[in-house]
Amino acid sequence: GIRKTTFREIKSSFGRFLAIFGIVALGVGFFAGLKVTTQAMVETVTEYLRKHEFYDLRLMSTLGFDQENVDFFSSARDVEAAEGAVSFDVLYELGDDRSGVIKTYSMPEEVNTLKLISGRLPETGAECVLDSGSFGKSVVGSVIRLSEDNGEEELEHFAHREYTVVGLVQSPLYIQFERGNTTLGSGRLDGFAYLTAEGFDVDYFTEVYVRFQPDFDLYSQEYDTFIDEKTDVWEEFAE
């Protein structure tokens, strides 16, 4: 019968049978692993973003926002937190051999909170923390300078020309390796820095981050639908 024929075929070419069996087993193993890995990766990033209060909407304006705007956004329906933030790109120098472009941010309190990797957080306007993914622990304690190559339009945003690096942090805004592009210097950002509000010399926010109360799962249809509905309403708010 067919069973005898099958066993005879296997016996006569046992090496080929083992090779095919191994290929199939490897394929099944890879597939099972990928199925489990996807779920594990989504759960890991979800836990991280929830812990660090990752934003749902980012509002930007060329005119800037003031505290009154932020208070209005905070009182809107379903909002858990709305926080004004400042960010600017600037040419920097660190030590004698490192220079480039860095993105500076104001320290967050309620949205996109930082994870301290080494050192401490800044306490004065002349201190900052740097991107742990781009800078090593050896930079803690050194001074980062705003380059003379910056135009006045870049420098006018800052209260100081030098900042003491007091620590290294991770930011939920950067969960990938890329740090983004810029119109300054080489066109690529080297990393990010966080300053206190006193470290900037501006009286407005360049953006507002908003976090909503309903906590849907990442990548879920419910979350996509919820954000789609909010986007139209919030575009009107921003205008």
Protein backbone atom coordinates (compact mmCIF):
# COMPACT_ATOMS: atom_id res chain seq x y z
CA GLY A 1 0.00 0.00 0.00
CA ILE A 2 0.85 3.66 0.07
CA ARG A 3 2.41 3.39 3.57
CA LYS A 4 4.91 0.73 2.41
CA THR A 5 5.79 2.79 -0.67
CA THR A 6 6.29 5.90 1.45
CA PHE A 7 8.64 4.12 3.89
CA ARG A 8 10.56 2.58 0.98
CA GLU A 9 10.99 6.06 -0.55
CA ILE A 10 12.27 7.43 2.80
CA LYS A 11 14.69 4.50 3.25
CA SER A 12 16.12 4.82 -0.24
CA SER A 13 16.85 8.55 0.13
CA PHE A 14 17.10 9.05 3.90
CA GLY A 15 19.49 12.02 3.62
CA ARG A 16 17.10 13.96 1.40
CA PHE A 17 14.21 13.14 3.75
CA LEU A 18 16.15 14.52 6.74
CA ALA A 19 17.06 17.68 4.80
CA ILE A 20 13.41 18.35 3.83
CA PHE A 21 12.24 17.54 7.37
CA GLY A 22 14.80 20.00 8.77
CA ILE A 23 13.73 22.76 6.36
CA VAL A 24 10.06 22.31 7.29
CA ALA A 25 10.87 22.24 11.04
CA LEU A 26 12.97 25.39 10.71
CA GLY A 27 10.15 27.16 8.85
CA VAL A 28 7.58 26.18 11.47
CA GLY A 29 9.94 27.28 14.25
CA PHE A 30 10.56 30.67 12.64
CA PHE A 31 6.85 31.24 12.05
CA ALA A 32 5.90 30.30 15.64
CA GLY A 33 8.69 32.54 16.95
CA LEU A 34 7.57 35.51 14.88
CA LYS A 35 3.96 35.09 16.00
CA VAL A 36 5.04 35.21 19.66
CA THR A 37 7.64 37.96 19.12
CA THR A 38 5.15 40.40 17.57
CA GLN A 39 2.85 40.18 20.59
CA ALA A 40 5.77 40.45 23.03
CA MET A 41 7.23 43.49 21.24
CA VAL A 42 3.86 45.29 21.15
CA GLU A 43 3.31 44.60 24.86
CA THR A 44 6.82 45.84 25.72
CA VAL A 45 6.50 49.11 23.80
CA THR A 46 2.94 49.64 25.11
CA GLU A 47 4.13 49.28 28.71
CA TYR A 48 7.05 51.69 28.06
CA LEU A 49 4.90 54.35 26.37
CA ARG A 50 2.21 54.16 29.07
CA LYS A 51 4.80 54.49 31.82
CA HIS A 52 6.29 57.59 30.17
CA GLU A 53 2.92 59.16 29.31
CA PHE A 54 3.39 59.18 25.52
CA TYR A 55 1.28 61.75 23.68
CA ASP A 56 -1.74 61.08 21.44
CA LEU A 57 -1.79 64.40 19.55
CA ARG A 58 0.95 66.94 18.82
CA LEU A 59 -0.26 70.45 18.01
CA MET A 60 2.14 72.77 16.20
CA SER A 61 1.93 76.46 15.31
CA THR A 62 4.24 78.90 13.52
CA LEU A 63 2.75 81.63 15.74
CA GLY A 64 3.25 79.68 18.94
CA PHE A 65 0.84 78.87 21.79
CA ASP A 66 0.45 80.57 25.18
CA GLN A 67 -0.61 79.20 28.57
CA GLU A 68 -4.20 80.30 27.95
CA ASN A 69 -4.28 78.07 24.85
CA VAL A 70 -2.86 75.15 26.83
CA ASP A 71 -5.47 75.64 29.58
CA PHE A 72 -8.21 75.59 26.93
CA PHE A 73 -6.84 72.35 25.46
CA SER A 74 -6.62 70.84 28.96
CA SER A 75 -10.32 71.47 29.57
CA ALA A 76 -11.45 69.79 26.33
CA ARG A 77 -13.38 66.54 26.36
CA ASP A 78 -11.48 63.27 27.07
CA VAL A 79 -8.20 65.09 27.79
CA GLU A 80 -6.06 63.61 30.57
CA ALA A 81 -3.20 66.11 30.12
CA ALA A 82 -2.16 68.89 27.74
CA GLU A 83 1.32 70.35 28.08
CA GLY A 84 3.06 73.16 26.26
CA ALA A 85 6.61 72.48 25.06
CA VAL A 86 9.46 74.33 23.38
CA SER A 87 11.82 72.81 20.82
CA PHE A 88 14.52 74.27 18.57
CA ASP A 89 17.35 72.90 16.43
CA VAL A 90 20.78 74.39 17.06
CA LEU A 91 24.43 73.88 16.03
CA TYR A 92 26.49 72.72 19.03
CA GLU A 93 30.08 71.97 20.04
CA LEU A 94 31.12 69.46 22.70
CA GLY A 95 34.78 69.28 23.73
CA ASP A 96 37.35 69.87 21.00
CA ASP A 97 36.33 67.14 18.59
CA ARG A 98 32.53 66.89 18.48
CA SER A 99 30.08 69.20 16.75
CA GLY A 100 26.88 68.98 14.77
CA VAL A 101 23.17 69.73 15.13
CA ILE A 102 21.08 68.88 18.17
CA LYS A 103 17.36 69.23 18.88
CA THR A 104 16.64 70.96 22.18
CA TYR A 105 13.43 70.47 24.18
CA SER A 106 11.94 71.91 27.36
CA MET A 107 11.69 69.49 30.29
CA PRO A 108 8.32 67.64 30.35
CA GLU A 109 6.24 67.20 33.50
CA GLU A 110 3.07 65.33 32.49
CA VAL A 111 3.50 64.13 28.90
CA ASN A 112 6.48 62.31 27.27
CA THR A 113 8.32 61.97 30.58
CA LEU A 114 12.01 61.05 30.53
CA LYS A 115 13.86 57.96 31.75
CA LEU A 116 17.08 58.91 33.56
CA ILE A 117 19.97 56.67 32.47
CA SER A 118 22.85 58.35 34.27
CA GLY A 119 23.58 61.45 36.34
CA ARG A 120 20.62 63.64 37.34
CA LEU A 121 18.02 65.92 35.77
CA PRO A 122 18.75 69.66 35.25
CA GLU A 123 17.82 72.00 38.11
CA THR A 124 18.90 75.39 36.73
CA GLY A 125 18.65 77.20 33.41
CA ALA A 126 22.36 76.60 32.72
CA GLU A 127 22.12 72.78 32.91
CA CYS A 128 20.91 70.16 30.44
CA VAL A 129 20.64 66.41 29.88
CA LEU A 130 21.61 64.67 26.64
CA ASP A 131 20.43 61.74 24.54
CA SER A 132 21.80 58.47 26.02
CA GLY A 133 21.52 56.85 22.58
CA SER A 134 23.94 59.34 21.01
CA PHE A 135 26.28 60.33 23.85
CA GLY A 136 28.33 58.25 26.30
CA LYS A 137 28.56 58.64 30.10
CA SER A 138 31.91 60.44 29.70
CA VAL A 139 30.09 63.64 28.59
CA VAL A 140 28.36 64.03 31.98
CA GLY A 141 30.01 66.97 33.72
CA SER A 142 31.27 68.55 30.49
CA VAL A 143 29.97 71.73 28.84
CA ILE A 144 28.00 71.84 25.58
CA ARG A 145 28.33 75.13 23.67
CA LEU A 146 26.08 76.74 21.10
CA SER A 147 28.26 77.21 18.01
CA GLU A 148 29.26 80.65 16.71
CA ASP A 149 28.10 79.36 13.31
CA ASN A 150 24.47 79.70 14.45
CA GLY A 151 22.54 82.66 13.11
CA GLU A 152 21.03 85.19 15.50
CA GLU A 153 17.58 83.70 14.78
CA GLU A 154 18.76 80.41 16.37
CA LEU A 155 20.70 81.92 19.29
CA GLU A 156 17.92 84.32 20.35
CA HIS A 157 15.84 81.36 21.59
CA PHE A 158 18.37 80.46 24.30
CA ALA A 159 19.09 82.11 27.66
CA HIS A 160 22.74 80.94 27.67
CA ARG A 161 25.51 80.07 25.21
CA GLU A 162 26.84 77.20 27.33
CA TYR A 163 25.09 74.44 29.30
CA THR A 164 26.57 71.97 31.76
CA VAL A 165 25.64 68.36 30.97
CA VAL A 166 24.34 66.82 34.21
CA GLY A 167 22.89 63.54 32.93
CA LEU A 168 21.79 61.25 30.11
CA VAL A 169 18.18 60.33 29.39
CA GLN A 170 15.90 58.31 27.14
CA SER A 171 12.85 60.02 25.65
CA PRO A 172 9.68 58.25 24.45
CA LEU A 173 9.78 60.62 21.44
CA TYR A 174 12.75 58.56 20.23
CA ILE A 175 12.09 54.83 20.41
CA GLN A 176 13.93 54.28 17.11
CA PHE A 177 17.60 54.74 16.18
CA GLU A 178 17.05 57.62 13.75
CA ARG A 179 17.16 61.12 15.25
CA GLY A 180 15.57 62.94 12.30
CA ASN A 181 16.46 65.65 9.81
CA THR A 182 17.07 69.38 10.15
CA THR A 183 17.56 72.43 7.96
CA LEU A 184 20.84 73.22 9.78
CA GLY A 185 24.39 71.96 9.22
CA SER A 186 24.69 68.53 7.61
CA GLY A 187 20.91 68.10 7.56
CA ARG A 188 20.92 65.29 10.14
CA LEU A 189 20.35 65.57 13.88
CA ASP A 190 23.00 64.04 16.17
CA GLY A 191 20.59 63.62 19.06
CA PHE A 192 18.54 65.62 21.54
CA ALA A 193 19.00 67.72 24.68
CA TYR A 194 16.51 68.74 27.38
CA LEU A 195 16.74 72.14 29.11
CA THR A 196 14.64 73.65 31.87
CA ALA A 197 12.15 76.37 30.88
CA GLU A 198 14.68 78.93 32.21
CA GLY A 199 17.24 77.62 29.72
CA PHE A 200 15.18 79.09 26.88
CA ASP A 201 14.54 82.76 26.23
CA VAL A 202 11.03 82.50 24.78
CA ASP A 203 7.61 83.42 26.19
CA TYR A 204 5.57 81.00 24.06
CA PHE A 205 5.29 77.27 23.32
CA THR A 206 6.26 75.94 19.89
CA GLU A 207 4.00 72.89 20.33
CA VAL A 208 1.45 71.32 22.64
CA TYR A 209 1.32 67.60 23.44
CA VAL A 210 -2.08 66.11 24.33
CA ARG A 211 -2.86 62.81 26.00
CA PHE A 212 -6.40 61.40 26.09
CA GLN A 213 -8.08 59.41 28.87
CA PRO A 214 -9.46 56.36 27.02
CA ASP A 215 -6.48 54.00 27.00
CA PHE A 216 -6.92 51.84 23.90
CA ASP A 217 -4.39 49.20 22.88
CA LEU A 218 -1.67 50.28 20.44
CA TYR A 219 -2.39 49.47 16.79
CA SER A 220 -6.00 48.58 17.61
CA GLN A 221 -8.89 49.54 15.34
CA GLU A 222 -10.58 51.25 18.31
CA TYR A 223 -7.59 53.54 18.83
CA ASP A 224 -7.34 54.42 15.11
CA THR A 225 -11.06 55.25 14.99
CA PHE A 226 -10.86 57.32 18.20
CA ILE A 227 -7.90 59.39 16.93
CA ASP A 228 -9.48 59.88 13.49
CA GLU A 229 -12.57 61.34 15.17
CA LYS A 230 -10.47 63.58 17.42
CA THR A 231 -8.23 64.86 14.61
CA ASP A 232 -10.97 66.81 12.82
CA VAL A 233 -12.18 68.44 16.05
CA TRP A 234 -8.68 69.30 17.23
CA GLU A 235 -7.63 70.81 13.91
CA GLU A 236 -10.45 73.32 14.47
CA PHE A 237 -9.29 73.88 18.07
CA ALA A 238 -5.74 74.61 16.88
CA GLU A 239 -6.98 77.11 14.28
